[in-house]
Amino acid sequence: MAVSAQLSPDTGSRLFFVKGYVLQVSWSWFFRQCWALMILAILGTLSYLLITHYIIQAIRVEGYSMYPTLTDSGHYWLNRFSYVIGEPRQNDIVALKDPRDNMLEVKRIIAMPRQSVYLKDGRVYVNGQLLSEPYLPANTPTYAYEKNANEFICIGNDKFFVMGDNRNNSTDSRTFGAVPRQNIIGKVIE
């Protein structure tokens, strides 16, 4: 492939000859191309930030607190937009900021604001009704982490009671209490 170049006397731009084609390149053309590339990079970065902070984000679950529903090192989608237009619901699997250290946690919503949770003899009662938990293996007991086997908890306004599905291996609202609404980031898509 033969390429030759020569300076055009009238414009100061370079003329490139490639296989019978003439390409004229000037500094203004070069700067326009750089400017366009920079604009594209900025728009791409802004799009990425907007999408991952307000619409959808990829997350990785570390640990066994949500086993068997979610697996250790499993990759899932976090729908951030669902709670921008709506509110969390009972049994939603959510990503939240741990109130103690702001680390990202994935848990299931067990009770809503202004409800009560009673952990009694290995069972969970919400507002006095036995909680149906088809997502847990049969006969999985749920105990409070305190010394007494039974615990009654009233959930405050704008707070949610969350637990992991692996009840014997989960740090959740039994440890750090009910979670404020602003700590819930989005809904995990299985």
Protein backbone atom coordinates (compact mmCIF):
# COMPACT_ATOMS: atom_id res chain seq x y z
CA MET A 1 0.00 0.00 0.00
CA ALA A 2 1.63 3.20 -1.14
CA VAL A 3 1.08 6.28 0.97
CA SER A 4 2.60 9.63 0.20
CA ALA A 5 2.05 13.07 1.71
CA GLN A 6 2.62 16.60 0.58
CA LEU A 7 1.83 20.03 2.00
CA SER A 8 -0.94 21.95 0.26
CA PRO A 9 0.38 25.48 -0.38
CA ASP A 10 -2.97 27.29 -0.16
CA THR A 11 -4.42 25.86 3.13
CA GLY A 12 -1.43 24.58 5.08
CA SER A 13 -3.10 21.20 5.44
CA ARG A 14 -1.53 17.91 4.53
CA LEU A 15 -2.65 15.92 1.52
CA PHE A 16 -2.34 12.15 1.83
CA PHE A 17 -2.48 9.92 -1.22
CA VAL A 18 -3.61 6.36 -0.44
CA LYS A 19 -4.26 3.99 -3.36
CA GLY A 20 -5.54 6.72 -5.62
CA TYR A 21 -7.55 8.59 -2.97
CA VAL A 22 -6.65 12.04 -1.74
CA LEU A 23 -7.16 12.76 1.96
CA GLN A 24 -6.82 16.31 3.20
CA VAL A 25 -6.05 16.67 6.91
CA SER A 26 -5.85 20.00 8.73
CA TRP A 27 -5.32 20.96 12.36
CA SER A 28 -8.89 22.21 12.65
CA TRP A 29 -10.18 18.83 11.42
CA PHE A 30 -7.92 17.05 13.95
CA PHE A 31 -9.17 19.20 16.85
CA ARG A 32 -12.81 18.70 15.81
CA GLN A 33 -12.27 14.94 15.89
CA CYS A 34 -10.63 15.12 19.33
CA TRP A 35 -13.49 17.31 20.61
CA ALA A 36 -16.09 14.87 19.30
CA LEU A 37 -14.25 11.95 20.92
CA MET A 38 -14.09 13.80 24.24
CA ILE A 39 -17.82 14.61 24.09
CA LEU A 40 -18.61 10.94 23.38
CA ALA A 41 -16.44 9.83 26.34
CA ILE A 42 -18.17 12.30 28.67
CA LEU A 43 -21.66 11.29 27.51
CA GLY A 44 -20.78 7.61 27.85
CA THR A 45 -19.50 8.11 31.40
CA LEU A 46 -22.57 10.13 32.40
CA SER A 47 -24.87 7.49 30.89
CA TYR A 48 -23.09 4.74 32.82
CA LEU A 49 -23.32 6.66 36.10
CA LEU A 50 -27.00 7.51 35.62
CA ILE A 51 -27.95 3.95 34.68
CA THR A 52 -26.03 2.27 37.54
CA HIS A 53 -27.20 4.75 40.18
CA TYR A 54 -30.87 5.07 39.21
CA ILE A 55 -31.93 2.16 36.99
CA ILE A 56 -30.04 -1.14 37.12
CA GLN A 57 -26.74 -2.40 38.50
CA ALA A 58 -24.87 -5.69 38.55
CA ILE A 59 -24.10 -7.02 42.03
CA ARG A 60 -22.25 -10.01 43.41
CA VAL A 61 -23.52 -11.79 46.51
CA GLU A 62 -20.75 -12.76 48.92
CA GLY A 63 -21.50 -15.23 51.67
CA TYR A 64 -24.19 -17.75 52.47
CA SER A 65 -26.76 -15.59 54.28
CA MET A 66 -29.30 -15.89 51.43
CA TYR A 67 -28.67 -19.58 50.63
CA PRO A 68 -30.49 -21.50 49.09
CA THR A 69 -32.28 -18.63 47.27
CA LEU A 70 -29.07 -16.83 46.24
CA THR A 71 -25.69 -18.51 46.04
CA ASP A 72 -22.28 -17.39 47.29
CA SER A 73 -20.37 -15.51 44.57
CA GLY A 74 -23.55 -15.40 42.48
CA HIS A 75 -24.07 -12.48 40.09
CA TYR A 76 -27.47 -10.81 40.07
CA TRP A 77 -29.15 -7.63 38.85
CA LEU A 78 -30.19 -4.89 41.25
CA ASN A 79 -33.25 -2.96 40.06
CA ARG A 80 -32.76 0.50 41.58
CA PHE A 81 -35.62 2.05 39.61
CA SER A 82 -38.29 -0.16 41.21
CA TYR A 83 -38.07 1.76 44.49
CA VAL A 84 -37.80 5.14 42.81
CA ILE A 85 -41.34 4.69 41.46
CA GLY A 86 -42.67 2.36 44.16
CA GLU A 87 -42.12 1.12 47.69
CA PRO A 88 -40.55 -2.10 49.01
CA ARG A 89 -42.96 -4.94 49.74
CA GLN A 90 -42.92 -7.88 52.09
CA ASN A 91 -40.87 -10.85 50.76
CA ASP A 92 -38.85 -8.65 48.37
CA ILE A 93 -35.17 -9.53 48.24
CA VAL A 94 -33.38 -6.21 48.59
CA ALA A 95 -29.90 -4.75 48.62
CA LEU A 96 -29.36 -2.41 51.53
CA LYS A 97 -26.67 -0.52 53.37
CA ASP A 98 -25.84 -2.23 56.64
CA PRO A 99 -26.69 0.34 59.35
CA ARG A 100 -23.49 -0.50 61.24
CA ASP A 101 -20.84 -0.07 58.53
CA ASN A 102 -22.64 0.94 55.28
CA MET A 103 -21.52 -2.25 53.53
CA LEU A 104 -23.90 -3.63 50.91
CA GLU A 105 -26.06 -6.50 52.22
CA VAL A 106 -28.70 -8.62 50.48
CA LYS A 107 -31.67 -9.68 52.63
CA ARG A 108 -35.40 -10.47 52.43
CA ILE A 109 -38.03 -8.09 53.82
CA ILE A 110 -39.95 -9.93 56.52
CA ALA A 111 -41.99 -7.12 58.06
CA MET A 112 -43.09 -3.68 56.95
CA PRO A 113 -43.28 -0.40 58.87
CA ARG A 114 -45.64 -0.39 61.88
CA GLN A 115 -45.87 -4.20 61.97
CA SER A 116 -44.72 -6.51 64.76
CA VAL A 117 -42.43 -9.52 64.58
CA TYR A 118 -42.52 -12.31 67.15
CA LEU A 119 -39.79 -14.94 67.09
CA LYS A 120 -41.21 -17.80 69.14
CA ASP A 121 -40.08 -21.43 69.40
CA GLY A 122 -38.25 -21.31 66.06
CA ARG A 123 -41.12 -19.72 64.13
CA VAL A 124 -41.71 -16.21 62.82
CA TYR A 125 -45.00 -14.39 63.43
CA VAL A 126 -45.83 -11.08 61.75
CA ASN A 127 -48.72 -9.18 63.34
CA GLY A 128 -49.65 -12.35 65.24
CA GLN A 129 -49.89 -14.50 62.07
CA LEU A 130 -47.45 -17.33 61.36
CA LEU A 131 -45.29 -16.23 58.43
CA SER A 132 -45.49 -18.53 55.41
CA GLU A 133 -41.94 -19.01 54.10
CA PRO A 134 -41.98 -21.31 51.06
CA TYR A 135 -38.48 -20.11 50.09
CA LEU A 136 -36.95 -21.86 53.13
CA PRO A 137 -36.23 -25.58 53.39
CA ALA A 138 -38.93 -27.38 55.36
CA ASN A 139 -38.73 -27.13 59.16
CA THR A 140 -36.07 -24.40 59.17
CA PRO A 141 -36.14 -22.81 62.63
CA THR A 142 -35.65 -19.08 63.21
CA TYR A 143 -34.39 -17.99 66.59
CA ALA A 144 -33.47 -14.63 68.06
CA TYR A 145 -29.75 -14.16 68.58
CA GLU A 146 -30.30 -13.03 72.18
CA LYS A 147 -30.18 -15.44 75.11
CA ASN A 148 -33.95 -15.86 75.22
CA ALA A 149 -35.46 -18.08 72.57
CA ASN A 150 -38.44 -15.76 72.08
CA GLU A 151 -38.36 -12.10 71.08
CA PHE A 152 -41.08 -9.56 70.29
CA ILE A 153 -40.15 -6.60 68.07
CA CYS A 154 -42.27 -3.61 67.01
CA ILE A 155 -41.15 -2.04 63.73
CA GLY A 156 -41.12 1.75 63.69
CA ASN A 157 -42.30 4.15 61.01
CA ASP A 158 -40.31 4.02 57.78
CA LYS A 159 -38.33 0.94 58.92
CA PHE A 160 -38.22 -2.63 57.64
CA PHE A 161 -37.35 -5.91 59.36
CA VAL A 162 -35.05 -7.98 57.13
CA MET A 163 -33.55 -11.47 57.44
CA GLY A 164 -31.38 -13.74 55.36
CA ASP A 165 -32.86 -17.01 54.10
CA ASN A 166 -30.05 -18.99 55.74
CA ARG A 167 -31.35 -18.21 59.22
CA ASN A 168 -28.48 -19.84 61.13
CA ASN A 169 -25.81 -17.99 59.12
CA SER A 170 -27.16 -14.47 58.63
CA THR A 171 -26.46 -11.15 60.26
CA ASP A 172 -29.73 -9.28 59.84
CA SER A 173 -32.38 -7.29 61.72
CA ARG A 174 -32.11 -9.73 64.60
CA THR A 175 -28.63 -8.25 65.11
CA PHE A 176 -28.70 -4.67 63.84
CA GLY A 177 -32.42 -3.91 64.20
CA ALA A 178 -34.95 -2.66 61.69
CA VAL A 179 -33.52 -0.93 58.63
CA PRO A 180 -34.52 2.64 57.67
CA ARG A 181 -36.13 3.04 54.24
CA GLN A 182 -33.28 5.24 52.97
CA ASN A 183 -30.85 2.31 53.50
CA ILE A 184 -32.76 0.13 51.01
CA ILE A 185 -31.14 0.62 47.58
CA GLY A 186 -33.18 -1.60 45.30
CA LYS A 187 -34.76 -4.96 44.54
CA VAL A 188 -32.59 -7.94 43.61
CA ILE A 189 -33.69 -9.78 40.47
CA GLU A 190 -33.16 -13.54 40.86
